[in-house]
Amino acid sequence: MNDIKLWEILVPTTRRVKIDGVITEVPNRVRYHRVWDAKVREIAGGLTILKPAKGQWLSATGELFDERMIPVRIACTEEQIMQVIDFTLKHYNQLAVMAYELSERVIIKHGTDS
């Protein structure tokens, strides 16, 4: 049985860093995202990066966050998406990361070399 599903995870365009003792949001450069991309390819074998979208969410303390997010689709197992979520939390120093299942059935068919 194929346990690969299609997932989408929202990747932040900024990350939290401490500057002079104050936590600040700084933009992620493309090379910083490429490290994340490489790790996801290592875990799941591939990813599809969509155009950024504006997101808003409330933290557990009720603080409103208004930020741009990059939707990324990944065909993988639930165990693999959990690894991606854990890496995303750490890599971008996030308070929360959201991922959700888009499809419970994925078909990947490889063609022959021509």
PDB file of N, CA and C in Angstrom:
ATOM      1  N   MET A   1       0.834  -1.191   0.000  1.00  0.00           N
ATOM      2  CA  MET A   1       0.000   0.000   0.000  1.00  0.00           C
ATOM      3  C   MET A   1       0.874   1.249   0.000  1.00  0.00           C
ATOM      4  N   ASN A   2       0.491   2.223  -0.795  1.00  0.00           N
ATOM      5  CA  ASN A   2       1.230   3.466  -0.932  1.00  0.00           C
ATOM      6  C   ASN A   2       0.816   4.439   0.174  1.00  0.00           C
ATOM      7  N   ASP A   3       1.737   4.770   1.071  1.00  0.00           N
ATOM      8  CA  ASP A   3       1.396   5.685   2.154  1.00  0.00           C
ATOM      9  C   ASP A   3       1.872   7.111   1.877  1.00  0.00           C
ATOM     10  N   ILE A   4       2.213   7.402   0.639  1.00  0.00           N
ATOM     11  CA  ILE A   4       2.602   8.751   0.249  1.00  0.00           C
ATOM     12  C   ILE A   4       1.346   9.584   0.018  1.00  0.00           C
ATOM     13  N   LYS A   5       1.326  10.763   0.609  1.00  0.00           N
ATOM     14  CA  LYS A   5       0.224  11.709   0.447  1.00  0.00           C
ATOM     15  C   LYS A   5       0.808  13.031  -0.029  1.00  0.00           C
ATOM     16  N   LEU A   6      -0.048  13.897  -0.535  1.00  0.00           N
ATOM     17  CA  LEU A   6       0.396  15.224  -0.944  1.00  0.00           C
ATOM     18  C   LEU A   6       0.109  16.190   0.203  1.00  0.00           C
ATOM     19  N   TRP A   7       1.149  16.863   0.650  1.00  0.00           N
ATOM     20  CA  TRP A   7       1.071  17.812   1.761  1.00  0.00           C
ATOM     21  C   TRP A   7       1.432  19.209   1.273  1.00  0.00           C
ATOM     22  N   GLU A   8       0.960  20.201   1.980  1.00  0.00           N
ATOM     23  CA  GLU A   8       1.398  21.579   1.747  1.00  0.00           C
ATOM     24  C   GLU A   8       1.844  22.132   3.086  1.00  0.00           C
ATOM     25  N   ILE A   9       2.968  22.815   3.087  1.00  0.00           N
ATOM     26  CA  ILE A   9       3.506  23.456   4.274  1.00  0.00           C
ATOM     27  C   ILE A   9       3.720  24.925   3.948  1.00  0.00           C
ATOM     28  N   LEU A  10       3.485  25.784   4.928  1.00  0.00           N
ATOM     29  CA  LEU A  10       3.686  27.221   4.728  1.00  0.00           C
ATOM     30  C   LEU A  10       5.035  27.610   5.306  1.00  0.00           C
ATOM     31  N   VAL A  11       5.915  28.081   4.429  1.00  0.00           N
ATOM     32  CA  VAL A  11       7.280  28.442   4.796  1.00  0.00           C
ATOM     33  C   VAL A  11       7.367  29.965   4.912  1.00  0.00           C
ATOM     34  N   PRO A  12       7.928  30.471   6.001  1.00  0.00           N
ATOM     35  CA  PRO A  12       7.982  31.922   6.194  1.00  0.00           C
ATOM     36  C   PRO A  12       9.010  32.590   5.286  1.00  0.00           C
ATOM     37  N   THR A  13       8.737  33.832   4.919  1.00  0.00           N
ATOM     38  CA  THR A  13       9.701  34.603   4.137  1.00  0.00           C
ATOM     39  C   THR A  13      10.672  35.345   5.049  1.00  0.00           C
ATOM     40  N   THR A  14      10.401  35.301   6.363  1.00  0.00           N
ATOM     41  CA  THR A  14      11.301  35.915   7.346  1.00  0.00           C
ATOM     42  C   THR A  14      11.598  34.897   8.439  1.00  0.00           C
ATOM     43  N   ARG A  15      12.617  35.191   9.242  1.00  0.00           N
ATOM     44  CA  ARG A  15      12.913  34.353  10.395  1.00  0.00           C
ATOM     45  C   ARG A  15      13.214  35.241  11.596  1.00  0.00           C
ATOM     46  N   ARG A  16      13.025  34.668  12.761  1.00  0.00           N
ATOM     47  CA  ARG A  16      13.234  35.403  14.001  1.00  0.00           C
ATOM     48  C   ARG A  16      14.692  35.272  14.423  1.00  0.00           C
ATOM     49  N   VAL A  17      15.347  36.426  14.647  1.00  0.00           N
ATOM     50  CA  VAL A  17      16.728  36.439  15.145  1.00  0.00           C
ATOM     51  C   VAL A  17      16.815  37.425  16.298  1.00  0.00           C
ATOM     52  N   LYS A  18      17.788  37.195  17.158  1.00  0.00           N
ATOM     53  CA  LYS A  18      18.003  38.097  18.282  1.00  0.00           C
ATOM     54  C   LYS A  18      19.112  39.070  17.909  1.00  0.00           C
ATOM     55  N   ILE A  19      18.795  40.372  17.894  1.00  0.00           N
ATOM     56  CA  ILE A  19      19.761  41.421  17.590  1.00  0.00           C
ATOM     57  C   ILE A  19      19.795  42.364  18.788  1.00  0.00           C
ATOM     58  N   ASP A  20      20.966  42.479  19.413  1.00  0.00           N
ATOM     59  CA  ASP A  20      21.120  43.317  20.609  1.00  0.00           C
ATOM     60  C   ASP A  20      20.089  42.958  21.678  1.00  0.00           C
ATOM     61  N   GLY A  21      19.834  41.667  21.849  1.00  0.00           N
ATOM     62  CA  GLY A  21      18.916  41.205  22.877  1.00  0.00           C
ATOM     63  C   GLY A  21      17.442  41.312  22.542  1.00  0.00           C
ATOM     64  N   VAL A  22      17.129  41.799  21.336  1.00  0.00           N
ATOM     65  CA  VAL A  22      15.739  41.962  20.925  1.00  0.00           C
ATOM     66  C   VAL A  22      15.448  41.014  19.758  1.00  0.00           C
ATOM     67  N   ILE A  23      14.349  40.266  19.855  1.00  0.00           N
ATOM     68  CA  ILE A  23      13.967  39.367  18.752  1.00  0.00           C
ATOM     69  C   ILE A  23      13.367  40.197  17.631  1.00  0.00           C
ATOM     70  N   THR A  24      13.934  40.019  16.434  1.00  0.00           N
ATOM     71  CA  THR A  24      13.545  40.787  15.258  1.00  0.00           C
ATOM     72  C   THR A  24      13.294  39.831  14.098  1.00  0.00           C
ATOM     73  N   GLU A  25      12.374  40.203  13.215  1.00  0.00           N
ATOM     74  CA  GLU A  25      12.131  39.439  11.993  1.00  0.00           C
ATOM     75  C   GLU A  25      13.058  39.968  10.897  1.00  0.00           C
ATOM     76  N   VAL A  26      13.807  39.072  10.274  1.00  0.00           N
ATOM     77  CA  VAL A  26      14.683  39.474   9.164  1.00  0.00           C
ATOM     78  C   VAL A  26      14.289  38.677   7.922  1.00  0.00           C
ATOM     79  N   PRO A  27      14.373  39.311   6.753  1.00  0.00           N
ATOM     80  CA  PRO A  27      14.034  38.593   5.508  1.00  0.00           C
ATOM     81  C   PRO A  27      15.006  37.441   5.264  1.00  0.00           C
ATOM     82  N   ASN A  28      14.498  36.358   4.748  1.00  0.00           N
ATOM     83  CA  ASN A  28      15.342  35.220   4.372  1.00  0.00           C
ATOM     84  C   ASN A  28      15.858  35.437   2.959  1.00  0.00           C
ATOM     85  N   ARG A  29      17.137  35.333   2.801  1.00  0.00           N
ATOM     86  CA  ARG A  29      17.726  35.427   1.467  1.00  0.00           C
ATOM     87  C   ARG A  29      17.497  34.108   0.731  1.00  0.00           C
ATOM     88  N   VAL A  30      17.577  34.166  -0.577  1.00  0.00           N
ATOM     89  CA  VAL A  30      17.340  32.982  -1.408  1.00  0.00           C
ATOM     90  C   VAL A  30      18.269  31.849  -0.993  1.00  0.00           C
ATOM     91  N   ARG A  31      19.524  32.145  -0.702  1.00  0.00           N
ATOM     92  CA  ARG A  31      20.460  31.071  -0.333  1.00  0.00           C
ATOM     93  C   ARG A  31      20.060  30.404   0.986  1.00  0.00           C
ATOM     94  N   TYR A  32      19.384  31.152   1.870  1.00  0.00           N
ATOM     95  CA  TYR A  32      18.905  30.565   3.131  1.00  0.00           C
ATOM     96  C   TYR A  32      17.765  29.585   2.846  1.00  0.00           C
ATOM     97  N   HIS A  33      16.872  29.969   1.933  1.00  0.00           N
ATOM     98  CA  HIS A  33      15.784  29.067   1.525  1.00  0.00           C
ATOM     99  C   HIS A  33      16.344  27.824   0.823  1.00  0.00           C
ATOM    100  N   ARG A  34      17.424  27.986   0.076  1.00  0.00           N
ATOM    101  CA  ARG A  34      17.992  26.854  -0.668  1.00  0.00           C
ATOM    102  C   ARG A  34      18.495  25.757   0.264  1.00  0.00           C
ATOM    103  N   VAL A  35      18.972  26.139   1.449  1.00  0.00           N
ATOM    104  CA  VAL A  35      19.380  25.147   2.446  1.00  0.00           C
ATOM    105  C   VAL A  35      18.159  24.324   2.864  1.00  0.00           C
ATOM    106  N   TRP A  36      17.024  25.010   3.087  1.00  0.00           N
ATOM    107  CA  TRP A  36      15.779  24.327   3.450  1.00  0.00           C
ATOM    108  C   TRP A  36      15.332  23.417   2.298  1.00  0.00           C
ATOM    109  N   ASP A  37      15.370  23.938   1.072  1.00  0.00           N
ATOM    110  CA  ASP A  37      14.984  23.146  -0.109  1.00  0.00           C
ATOM    111  C   ASP A  37      15.791  21.852  -0.184  1.00  0.00           C
ATOM    112  N   ALA A  38      17.105  21.961   0.014  1.00  0.00           N
ATOM    113  CA  ALA A  38      17.982  20.791  -0.077  1.00  0.00           C
ATOM    114  C   ALA A  38      17.634  19.763   0.998  1.00  0.00           C
ATOM    115  N   LYS A  39      17.337  20.224   2.202  1.00  0.00           N
ATOM    116  CA  LYS A  39      16.986  19.307   3.284  1.00  0.00           C
ATOM    117  C   LYS A  39      15.666  18.594   2.980  1.00  0.00           C
ATOM    118  N   VAL A  40      14.685  19.324   2.429  1.00  0.00           N
ATOM    119  CA  VAL A  40      13.402  18.709   2.082  1.00  0.00           C
ATOM    120  C   VAL A  40      13.593  17.678   0.973  1.00  0.00           C
ATOM    121  N   ARG A  41      14.433  17.989  -0.013  1.00  0.00           N
ATOM    122  CA  ARG A  41      14.727  17.006  -1.072  1.00  0.00           C
ATOM    123  C   ARG A  41      15.382  15.763  -0.473  1.00  0.00           C
ATOM    124  N   GLU A  42      16.255  15.954   0.501  1.00  0.00           N
ATOM    125  CA  GLU A  42      16.911  14.832   1.173  1.00  0.00           C
ATOM    126  C   GLU A  42      15.884  13.961   1.910  1.00  0.00           C
ATOM    127  N   ILE A  43      14.917  14.594   2.567  1.00  0.00           N
ATOM    128  CA  ILE A  43      13.903  13.871   3.340  1.00  0.00           C
ATOM    129  C   ILE A  43      12.875  13.209   2.433  1.00  0.00           C
ATOM    130  N   ALA A  44      12.340  13.976   1.464  1.00  0.00           N
ATOM    131  CA  ALA A  44      11.167  13.516   0.705  1.00  0.00           C
ATOM    132  C   ALA A  44      11.413  13.256  -0.774  1.00  0.00           C
ATOM    133  N   GLY A  45      12.535  13.700  -1.286  1.00  0.00           N
ATOM    134  CA  GLY A  45      12.838  13.451  -2.692  1.00  0.00           C
ATOM    135  C   GLY A  45      12.452  14.569  -3.644  1.00  0.00           C
ATOM    136  N   GLY A  46      11.663  15.531  -3.189  1.00  0.00           N
ATOM    137  CA  GLY A  46      11.290  16.636  -4.070  1.00  0.00           C
ATOM    138  C   GLY A  46      10.274  17.555  -3.418  1.00  0.00           C
ATOM    139  N   LEU A  47      10.014  18.669  -4.080  1.00  0.00           N
ATOM    140  CA  LEU A  47       9.075  19.671  -3.584  1.00  0.00           C
ATOM    141  C   LEU A  47       8.650  20.568  -4.728  1.00  0.00           C
ATOM    142  N   THR A  48       7.497  21.218  -4.559  1.00  0.00           N
ATOM    143  CA  THR A  48       7.002  22.184  -5.525  1.00  0.00           C
ATOM    144  C   THR A  48       6.764  23.486  -4.774  1.00  0.00           C
ATOM    145  N   ILE A  49       7.461  24.540  -5.188  1.00  0.00           N
ATOM    146  CA  ILE A  49       7.401  25.831  -4.512  1.00  0.00           C
ATOM    147  C   ILE A  49       6.425  26.730  -5.261  1.00  0.00           C
ATOM    148  N   LEU A  50       5.425  27.229  -4.556  1.00  0.00           N
ATOM    149  CA  LEU A  50       4.420  28.110  -5.149  1.00  0.00           C
ATOM    150  C   LEU A  50       4.754  29.568  -4.848  1.00  0.00           C
ATOM    151  N   LYS A  51       3.986  30.485  -5.422  1.00  0.00           N
ATOM    152  CA  LYS A  51       4.208  31.915  -5.196  1.00  0.00           C
ATOM    153  C   LYS A  51       3.796  32.298  -3.774  1.00  0.00           C
ATOM    154  N   PRO A  52       4.525  33.249  -3.162  1.00  0.00           N
ATOM    155  CA  PRO A  52       4.188  33.676  -1.799  1.00  0.00           C
ATOM    156  C   PRO A  52       2.771  34.243  -1.699  1.00  0.00           C
ATOM    157  N   ALA A  53       2.220  34.091  -0.508  1.00  0.00           N
ATOM    158  CA  ALA A  53       0.881  34.601  -0.201  1.00  0.00           C
ATOM    159  C   ALA A  53       0.941  35.300   1.157  1.00  0.00           C
ATOM    160  N   LYS A  54      -0.011  36.195   1.391  1.00  0.00           N
ATOM    161  CA  LYS A  54      -0.075  36.898   2.665  1.00  0.00           C
ATOM    162  C   LYS A  54      -0.868  36.059   3.664  1.00  0.00           C
ATOM    163  N   GLY A  55      -0.328  35.913   4.865  1.00  0.00           N
ATOM    164  CA  GLY A  55      -1.011  35.137   5.894  1.00  0.00           C
ATOM    165  C   GLY A  55      -1.140  35.926   7.179  1.00  0.00           C
ATOM    166  N   GLN A  56      -2.155  35.610   7.948  1.00  0.00           N
ATOM    167  CA  GLN A  56      -2.352  36.202   9.265  1.00  0.00           C
ATOM    168  C   GLN A  56      -2.731  35.087  10.220  1.00  0.00           C
ATOM    169  N   TRP A  57      -2.178  35.125  11.421  1.00  0.00           N
ATOM    170  CA  TRP A  57      -2.523  34.130  12.416  1.00  0.00           C
ATOM    171  C   TRP A  57      -2.285  34.691  13.807  1.00  0.00           C
ATOM    172  N   LEU A  58      -2.992  34.124  14.767  1.00  0.00           N
ATOM    173  CA  LEU A  58      -2.855  34.522  16.162  1.00  0.00           C
ATOM    174  C   LEU A  58      -2.004  33.493  16.893  1.00  0.00           C
ATOM    175  N   SER A  59      -1.041  33.990  17.673  1.00  0.00           N
ATOM    176  CA  SER A  59      -0.202  33.094  18.472  1.00  0.00           C
ATOM    177  C   SER A  59      -1.002  32.583  19.667  1.00  0.00           C
ATOM    178  N   ALA A  60      -0.410  31.684  20.416  1.00  0.00           N
ATOM    179  CA  ALA A  60      -1.059  31.137  21.610  1.00  0.00           C
ATOM    180  C   ALA A  60      -1.329  32.230  22.643  1.00  0.00           C
ATOM    181  N   THR A  61      -0.562  33.327  22.589  1.00  0.00           N
ATOM    182  CA  THR A  61      -0.757  34.441  23.528  1.00  0.00           C
ATOM    183  C   THR A  61      -1.686  35.511  22.967  1.00  0.00           C
ATOM    184  N   GLY A  62      -2.199  35.299  21.744  1.00  0.00           N
ATOM    185  CA  GLY A  62      -3.135  36.247  21.144  1.00  0.00           C
ATOM    186  C   GLY A  62      -2.484  37.329  20.299  1.00  0.00           C
ATOM    187  N   GLU A  63      -1.171  37.236  20.100  1.00  0.00           N
ATOM    188  CA  GLU A  63      -0.466  38.230  19.275  1.00  0.00           C
ATOM    189  C   GLU A  63      -0.749  37.958  17.795  1.00  0.00           C
ATOM    190  N   LEU A  64      -1.097  39.022  17.048  1.00  0.00           N
ATOM    191  CA  LEU A  64      -1.383  38.891  15.623  1.00  0.00           C
ATOM    192  C   LEU A  64      -0.084  38.941  14.832  1.00  0.00           C
ATOM    193  N   PHE A  65       0.101  37.952  13.977  1.00  0.00           N
ATOM    194  CA  PHE A  65       1.234  37.931  13.054  1.00  0.00           C
ATOM    195  C   PHE A  65       0.681  38.101  11.651  1.00  0.00           C
ATOM    196  N   ASP A  66       1.252  39.020  10.908  1.00  0.00           N
ATOM    197  CA  ASP A  66       0.845  39.337   9.539  1.00  0.00           C
ATOM    198  C   ASP A  66       2.112  39.196   8.697  1.00  0.00           C
ATOM    199  N   GLU A  67       2.176  38.132   7.913  1.00  0.00           N
ATOM    200  CA  GLU A  67       3.432  37.853   7.216  1.00  0.00           C
ATOM    201  C   GLU A  67       3.204  37.145   5.888  1.00  0.00           C
ATOM    202  N   ARG A  68       4.195  37.254   5.032  1.00  0.00           N
ATOM    203  CA  ARG A  68       4.147  36.544   3.761  1.00  0.00           C
ATOM    204  C   ARG A  68       4.668  35.129   3.982  1.00  0.00           C
ATOM    205  N   MET A  69       3.988  34.180   3.354  1.00  0.00           N
ATOM    206  CA  MET A  69       4.339  32.774   3.472  1.00  0.00           C
ATOM    207  C   MET A  69       4.496  32.188   2.072  1.00  0.00           C
ATOM    208  N   ILE A  70       5.321  31.163   1.973  1.00  0.00           N
ATOM    209  CA  ILE A  70       5.518  30.472   0.699  1.00  0.00           C
ATOM    210  C   ILE A  70       4.892  29.085   0.823  1.00  0.00           C
ATOM    211  N   PRO A  71       3.802  28.815   0.090  1.00  0.00           N
ATOM    212  CA  PRO A  71       3.236  27.460   0.104  1.00  0.00           C
ATOM    213  C   PRO A  71       4.154  26.510  -0.673  1.00  0.00           C
ATOM    214  N   VAL A  72       4.461  25.379  -0.062  1.00  0.00           N
ATOM    215  CA  VAL A  72       5.326  24.382  -0.699  1.00  0.00           C
ATOM    216  C   VAL A  72       4.622  23.034  -0.620  1.00  0.00           C
ATOM    217  N   ARG A  73       4.517  22.355  -1.746  1.00  0.00           N
ATOM    218  CA  ARG A  73       3.859  21.050  -1.807  1.00  0.00           C
ATOM    219  C   ARG A  73       4.908  19.947  -1.837  1.00  0.00           C
ATOM    220  N   ILE A  74       4.625  18.904  -1.055  1.00  0.00           N
ATOM    221  CA  ILE A  74       5.569  17.800  -0.913  1.00  0.00           C
ATOM    222  C   ILE A  74       4.795  16.487  -0.919  1.00  0.00           C
ATOM    223  N   ALA A  75       5.163  15.575  -1.788  1.00  0.00           N
ATOM    224  CA  ALA A  75       4.583  14.233  -1.787  1.00  0.00           C
ATOM    225  C   ALA A  75       5.481  13.358  -0.913  1.00  0.00           C
ATOM    226  N   CYS A  76       4.935  12.925   0.234  1.00  0.00           N
ATOM    227  CA  CYS A  76       5.745  12.162   1.175  1.00  0.00           C
ATOM    228  C   CYS A  76       4.848  11.459   2.191  1.00  0.00           C
ATOM    229  N   THR A  77       5.455  10.711   3.064  1.00  0.00           N
ATOM    230  CA  THR A  77       4.722  10.041   4.130  1.00  0.00           C
ATOM    231  C   THR A  77       4.482  11.020   5.284  1.00  0.00           C
ATOM    232  N   GLU A  78       3.610  10.636   6.197  1.00  0.00           N
ATOM    233  CA  GLU A  78       3.367  11.484   7.370  1.00  0.00           C
ATOM    234  C   GLU A  78       4.629  11.603   8.223  1.00  0.00           C
ATOM    235  N   GLU A  79       5.383  10.542   8.328  1.00  0.00           N
ATOM    236  CA  GLU A  79       6.642  10.591   9.073  1.00  0.00           C
ATOM    237  C   GLU A  79       7.602  11.610   8.444  1.00  0.00           C
ATOM    238  N   GLN A  80       7.681  11.616   7.118  1.00  0.00           N
ATOM    239  CA  GLN A  80       8.565  12.565   6.434  1.00  0.00           C
ATOM    240  C   GLN A  80       8.088  14.003   6.612  1.00  0.00           C
ATOM    241  N   ILE A  81       6.762  14.261   6.537  1.00  0.00           N
ATOM    242  CA  ILE A  81       6.294  15.643   6.704  1.00  0.00           C
ATOM    243  C   ILE A  81       6.562  16.112   8.120  1.00  0.00           C
ATOM    244  N   MET A  82       6.517  15.207   9.093  1.00  0.00           N
ATOM    245  CA  MET A  82       6.849  15.593  10.471  1.00  0.00           C
ATOM    246  C   MET A  82       8.325  15.992  10.567  1.00  0.00           C
ATOM    247  N   GLN A  83       9.190  15.305   9.840  1.00  0.00           N
ATOM    248  CA  GLN A  83      10.611  15.676   9.807  1.00  0.00           C
ATOM    249  C   GLN A  83      10.777  17.056   9.166  1.00  0.00           C
ATOM    250  N   VAL A  84      10.023  17.308   8.095  1.00  0.00           N
ATOM    251  CA  VAL A  84      10.081  18.610   7.417  1.00  0.00           C
ATOM    252  C   VAL A  84       9.584  19.712   8.357  1.00  0.00           C
ATOM    253  N   ILE A  85       8.492  19.460   9.075  1.00  0.00           N
ATOM    254  CA  ILE A  85       7.954  20.450  10.021  1.00  0.00           C
ATOM    255  C   ILE A  85       8.986  20.747  11.103  1.00  0.00           C
ATOM    256  N   ASP A  86       9.569  19.710  11.679  1.00  0.00           N
ATOM    257  CA  ASP A  86      10.569  19.911  12.733  1.00  0.00           C
ATOM    258  C   ASP A  86      11.753  20.724  12.226  1.00  0.00           C
ATOM    259  N   PHE A  87      12.229  20.401  11.011  1.00  0.00           N
ATOM    260  CA  PHE A  87      13.353  21.153  10.444  1.00  0.00           C
ATOM    261  C   PHE A  87      12.951  22.601  10.162  1.00  0.00           C
ATOM    262  N   THR A  88      11.740  22.816   9.679  1.00  0.00           N
ATOM    263  CA  THR A  88      11.249  24.164   9.374  1.00  0.00           C
ATOM    264  C   THR A  88      11.176  25.015  10.646  1.00  0.00           C
ATOM    265  N   LEU A  89      10.643  24.445  11.713  1.00  0.00           N
ATOM    266  CA  LEU A  89      10.583  25.155  13.001  1.00  0.00           C
ATOM    267  C   LEU A  89      11.967  25.630  13.427  1.00  0.00           C
ATOM    268  N   LYS A  90      12.936  24.733  13.323  1.00  0.00           N
ATOM    269  CA  LYS A  90      14.299  25.049  13.764  1.00  0.00           C
ATOM    270  C   LYS A  90      15.011  25.997  12.791  1.00  0.00           C
ATOM    271  N   HIS A  91      14.949  25.687  11.496  1.00  0.00           N
ATOM    272  CA  HIS A  91      15.696  26.455  10.489  1.00  0.00           C
ATOM    273  C   HIS A  91      15.263  27.925  10.449  1.00  0.00           C
ATOM    274  N   TYR A  92      13.951  28.155  10.546  1.00  0.00           N
ATOM    275  CA  TYR A  92      13.430  29.515  10.464  1.00  0.00           C
ATOM    276  C   TYR A  92      13.126  30.108  11.843  1.00  0.00           C
ATOM    277  N   ASN A  93      13.443  29.373  12.916  1.00  0.00           N
ATOM    278  CA  ASN A  93      13.218  29.819  14.293  1.00  0.00           C
ATOM    279  C   ASN A  93      11.787  30.309  14.474  1.00  0.00           C
ATOM    280  N   GLN A  94      10.834  29.455  14.123  1.00  0.00           N
ATOM    281  CA  GLN A  94       9.421  29.824  14.144  1.00  0.00           C
ATOM    282  C   GLN A  94       8.732  29.412  15.437  1.00  0.00           C
ATOM    283  N   LEU A  95       7.675  30.140  15.781  1.00  0.00           N
ATOM    284  CA  LEU A  95       6.838  29.792  16.927  1.00  0.00           C
ATOM    285  C   LEU A  95       5.899  28.650  16.566  1.00  0.00           C
ATOM    286  N   ALA A  96       5.485  28.599  15.300  1.00  0.00           N
ATOM    287  CA  ALA A  96       4.571  27.561  14.822  1.00  0.00           C
ATOM    288  C   ALA A  96       4.759  27.387  13.320  1.00  0.00           C
ATOM    289  N   VAL A  97       4.483  26.191  12.844  1.00  0.00           N
ATOM    290  CA  VAL A  97       4.516  25.892  11.411  1.00  0.00           C
ATOM    291  C   VAL A  97       3.255  25.101  11.093  1.00  0.00           C
ATOM    292  N   MET A  98       2.600  25.449   9.988  1.00  0.00           N
ATOM    293  CA  MET A  98       1.391  24.735   9.596  1.00  0.00           C
ATOM    294  C   MET A  98       1.635  23.930   8.325  1.00  0.00           C
ATOM    295  N   ALA A  99       1.217  22.676   8.374  1.00  0.00           N
ATOM    296  CA  ALA A  99       1.220  21.812   7.197  1.00  0.00           C
ATOM    297  C   ALA A  99      -0.115  21.091   7.192  1.00  0.00           C
ATOM    298  N   TYR A 100      -0.592  20.767   6.004  1.00  0.00           N
ATOM    299  CA  TYR A 100      -1.896  20.113   5.902  1.00  0.00           C
ATOM    300  C   TYR A 100      -1.891  19.183   4.697  1.00  0.00           C
ATOM    301  N   GLU A 101      -2.715  18.155   4.821  1.00  0.00           N
ATOM    302  CA  GLU A 101      -2.824  17.150   3.771  1.00  0.00           C
ATOM    303  C   GLU A 101      -3.728  17.662   2.658  1.00  0.00           C
ATOM    304  N   LEU A 102      -3.247  17.571   1.424  1.00  0.00           N
ATOM    305  CA  LEU A 102      -4.050  17.964   0.266  1.00  0.00           C
ATOM    306  C   LEU A 102      -4.712  16.761  -0.388  1.00  0.00           C
ATOM    307  N   SER A 103      -4.065  15.622  -0.313  1.00  0.00           N
ATOM    308  CA  SER A 103      -4.567  14.432  -0.997  1.00  0.00           C
ATOM    309  C   SER A 103      -4.145  13.191  -0.231  1.00  0.00           C
ATOM    310  N   GLU A 104      -5.047  12.233  -0.142  1.00  0.00           N
ATOM    311  CA  GLU A 104      -4.672  10.986   0.512  1.00  0.00           C
ATOM    312  C   GLU A 104      -4.164   9.950  -0.487  1.00  0.00           C
ATOM    313  N   ARG A 105      -4.173  10.301  -1.744  1.00  0.00           N
ATOM    314  CA  ARG A 105      -3.691   9.374  -2.776  1.00  0.00           C
ATOM    315  C   ARG A 105      -2.785  10.117  -3.741  1.00  0.00           C
ATOM    316  N   VAL A 106      -1.599   9.588  -3.947  1.00  0.00           N
ATOM    317  CA  VAL A 106      -0.633  10.187  -4.865  1.00  0.00           C
ATOM    318  C   VAL A 106      -0.162   9.120  -5.832  1.00  0.00           C
ATOM    319  N   ILE A 107      -0.156   9.452  -7.103  1.00  0.00           N
ATOM    320  CA  ILE A 107       0.370   8.548  -8.127  1.00  0.00           C
ATOM    321  C   ILE A 107       1.595   9.215  -8.728  1.00  0.00           C
ATOM    322  N   ILE A 108       2.701   8.514  -8.686  1.00  0.00           N
ATOM    323  CA  ILE A 108       3.932   8.985  -9.331  1.00  0.00           C
ATOM    324  C   ILE A 108       4.335   7.909 -10.324  1.00  0.00           C
ATOM    325  N   LYS A 109       4.306   8.253 -11.581  1.00  0.00           N
ATOM    326  CA  LYS A 109       4.642   7.287 -12.639  1.00  0.00           C
ATOM    327  C   LYS A 109       5.839   7.815 -13.389  1.00  0.00           C
ATOM    328  N   HIS A 110       6.859   6.995 -13.476  1.00  0.00           N
ATOM    329  CA  HIS A 110       8.077   7.385 -14.177  1.00  0.00           C
ATOM    330  C   HIS A 110       8.023   6.883 -15.619  1.00  0.00           C
ATOM    331  N   GLY A 111       8.434   7.754 -16.523  1.00  0.00           N
ATOM    332  CA  GLY A 111       8.492   7.362 -17.929  1.00  0.00           C
ATOM    333  C   GLY A 111       9.810   6.695 -18.244  1.00  0.00           C
ATOM    334  N   THR A 112       9.933   6.236 -19.465  1.00  0.00           N
ATOM    335  CA  THR A 112      11.172   5.612 -19.893  1.00  0.00           C
ATOM    336  C   THR A 112      12.057   6.673 -20.539  1.00  0.00           C
ATOM    337  N   ASP A 113      13.342   6.454 -20.480  1.00  0.00           N
ATOM    338  CA  ASP A 113      14.273   7.378 -21.128  1.00  0.00           C
ATOM    339  C   ASP A 113      14.133   7.264 -22.652  1.00  0.00           C
ATOM    340  N   SER A 114      14.149   8.411 -23.326  1.00  0.00           N
ATOM    341  CA  SER A 114      14.015   8.391 -24.778  1.00  0.00           C
ATOM    342  C   SER A 114      15.350   8.574 -25.435  1.00  0.00           C
TER     343      SER A 114
END
